[in-house]
Amino acid sequence: MGPRKPRPYIGMFFKCCHVYVRIYLNKAGTAYVGHCPKCARKATVRVGPGGSDSRFWSAE
């Protein structure tokens, strides 16, 4: 068994609680999914054709 590859992630700022976290690509590779660590609000950023170069996002 070799070294593990790092999981892809994006930065997410949750405006609800003013906190920044990383959210990670799901196993299917279809979306970045995560939760606010304070209030558990869910955030999903879908991966699609064309995509975006942005590595930082914010959730209301």
C-alpha atoms as a PDB file:
ATOM      1  CA  MET A   1       0.000   0.000   0.000  1.00  0.00           C
ATOM      2  CA  GLY A   2       1.476   3.348  -1.082  1.00  0.00           C
ATOM      3  CA  PRO A   3       0.954   6.846   0.262  1.00  0.00           C
ATOM      4  CA  ARG A   4      -2.620   8.145   0.197  1.00  0.00           C
ATOM      5  CA  LYS A   5      -3.574  10.833  -2.305  1.00  0.00           C
ATOM      6  CA  PRO A   6      -4.942  13.998  -0.735  1.00  0.00           C
ATOM      7  CA  ARG A   7      -8.704  14.472  -1.197  1.00  0.00           C
ATOM      8  CA  PRO A   8      -9.692  17.456  -3.332  1.00  0.00           C
ATOM      9  CA  TYR A   9     -11.380  20.265  -1.392  1.00  0.00           C
ATOM     10  CA  ILE A  10     -12.602  23.833  -1.688  1.00  0.00           C
ATOM     11  CA  GLY A  11     -12.784  26.542   0.955  1.00  0.00           C
ATOM     12  CA  MET A  12     -16.265  27.438   2.193  1.00  0.00           C
ATOM     13  CA  PHE A  13     -17.187  30.448   4.323  1.00  0.00           C
ATOM     14  CA  PHE A  14     -20.440  29.907   6.206  1.00  0.00           C
ATOM     15  CA  LYS A  15     -21.956  33.375   6.677  1.00  0.00           C
ATOM     16  CA  CYS A  16     -24.503  31.956   9.156  1.00  0.00           C
ATOM     17  CA  CYS A  17     -21.827  31.480  11.831  1.00  0.00           C
ATOM     18  CA  HIS A  18     -18.877  33.418  10.349  1.00  0.00           C
ATOM     19  CA  VAL A  19     -16.668  30.357  10.062  1.00  0.00           C
ATOM     20  CA  TYR A  20     -14.375  29.059   7.311  1.00  0.00           C
ATOM     21  CA  VAL A  21     -13.924  25.320   6.638  1.00  0.00           C
ATOM     22  CA  ARG A  22     -12.806  22.967   3.900  1.00  0.00           C
ATOM     23  CA  ILE A  23     -15.465  20.906   2.156  1.00  0.00           C
ATOM     24  CA  TYR A  24     -14.375  17.794   0.331  1.00  0.00           C
ATOM     25  CA  LEU A  25     -15.271  16.104  -2.942  1.00  0.00           C
ATOM     26  CA  ASN A  26     -17.693  13.219  -2.410  1.00  0.00           C
ATOM     27  CA  LYS A  27     -16.683   9.661  -3.359  1.00  0.00           C
ATOM     28  CA  ALA A  28     -18.735   9.789  -6.576  1.00  0.00           C
ATOM     29  CA  GLY A  29     -16.823  12.909  -7.639  1.00  0.00           C
ATOM     30  CA  THR A  30     -20.064  14.767  -8.389  1.00  0.00           C
ATOM     31  CA  ALA A  31     -20.066  17.490  -5.698  1.00  0.00           C
ATOM     32  CA  TYR A  32     -18.185  19.106  -2.840  1.00  0.00           C
ATOM     33  CA  VAL A  33     -20.228  18.535   0.312  1.00  0.00           C
ATOM     34  CA  GLY A  34     -19.819  19.819   3.859  1.00  0.00           C
ATOM     35  CA  HIS A  35     -21.542  21.262   6.925  1.00  0.00           C
ATOM     36  CA  CYS A  36     -21.156  24.331   9.100  1.00  0.00           C
ATOM     37  CA  PRO A  37     -19.325  23.141  12.216  1.00  0.00           C
ATOM     38  CA  LYS A  38     -21.460  25.351  14.484  1.00  0.00           C
ATOM     39  CA  CYS A  39     -25.055  25.028  13.223  1.00  0.00           C
ATOM     40  CA  ALA A  40     -24.733  22.014  10.863  1.00  0.00           C
ATOM     41  CA  ARG A  41     -26.139  23.869   7.821  1.00  0.00           C
ATOM     42  CA  LYS A  42     -25.332  21.783   4.740  1.00  0.00           C
ATOM     43  CA  ALA A  43     -23.494  23.135   1.696  1.00  0.00           C
ATOM     44  CA  THR A  44     -23.222  21.384  -1.663  1.00  0.00           C
ATOM     45  CA  VAL A  45     -21.278  22.659  -4.682  1.00  0.00           C
ATOM     46  CA  ARG A  46     -21.942  20.476  -7.716  1.00  0.00           C
ATOM     47  CA  VAL A  47     -19.197  19.615 -10.195  1.00  0.00           C
ATOM     48  CA  GLY A  48     -20.221  20.097 -13.796  1.00  0.00           C
ATOM     49  CA  PRO A  49     -18.958  20.603 -17.321  1.00  0.00           C
ATOM     50  CA  GLY A  50     -17.080  23.855 -17.710  1.00  0.00           C
ATOM     51  CA  GLY A  51     -16.686  24.158 -13.946  1.00  0.00           C
ATOM     52  CA  SER A  52     -15.114  27.076 -12.129  1.00  0.00           C
ATOM     53  CA  ASP A  53     -11.563  28.037 -11.237  1.00  0.00           C
ATOM     54  CA  SER A  54     -12.713  29.414  -7.871  1.00  0.00           C
ATOM     55  CA  ARG A  55     -11.282  27.623  -4.827  1.00  0.00           C
ATOM     56  CA  PHE A  56     -13.206  29.704  -2.253  1.00  0.00           C
ATOM     57  CA  TRP A  57     -16.990  29.926  -1.881  1.00  0.00           C
ATOM     58  CA  SER A  58     -19.485  31.315   0.610  1.00  0.00           C
ATOM     59  CA  ALA A  59     -22.827  29.980   1.828  1.00  0.00           C
ATOM     60  CA  GLU A  60     -25.681  32.161   3.091  1.00  0.00           C
END
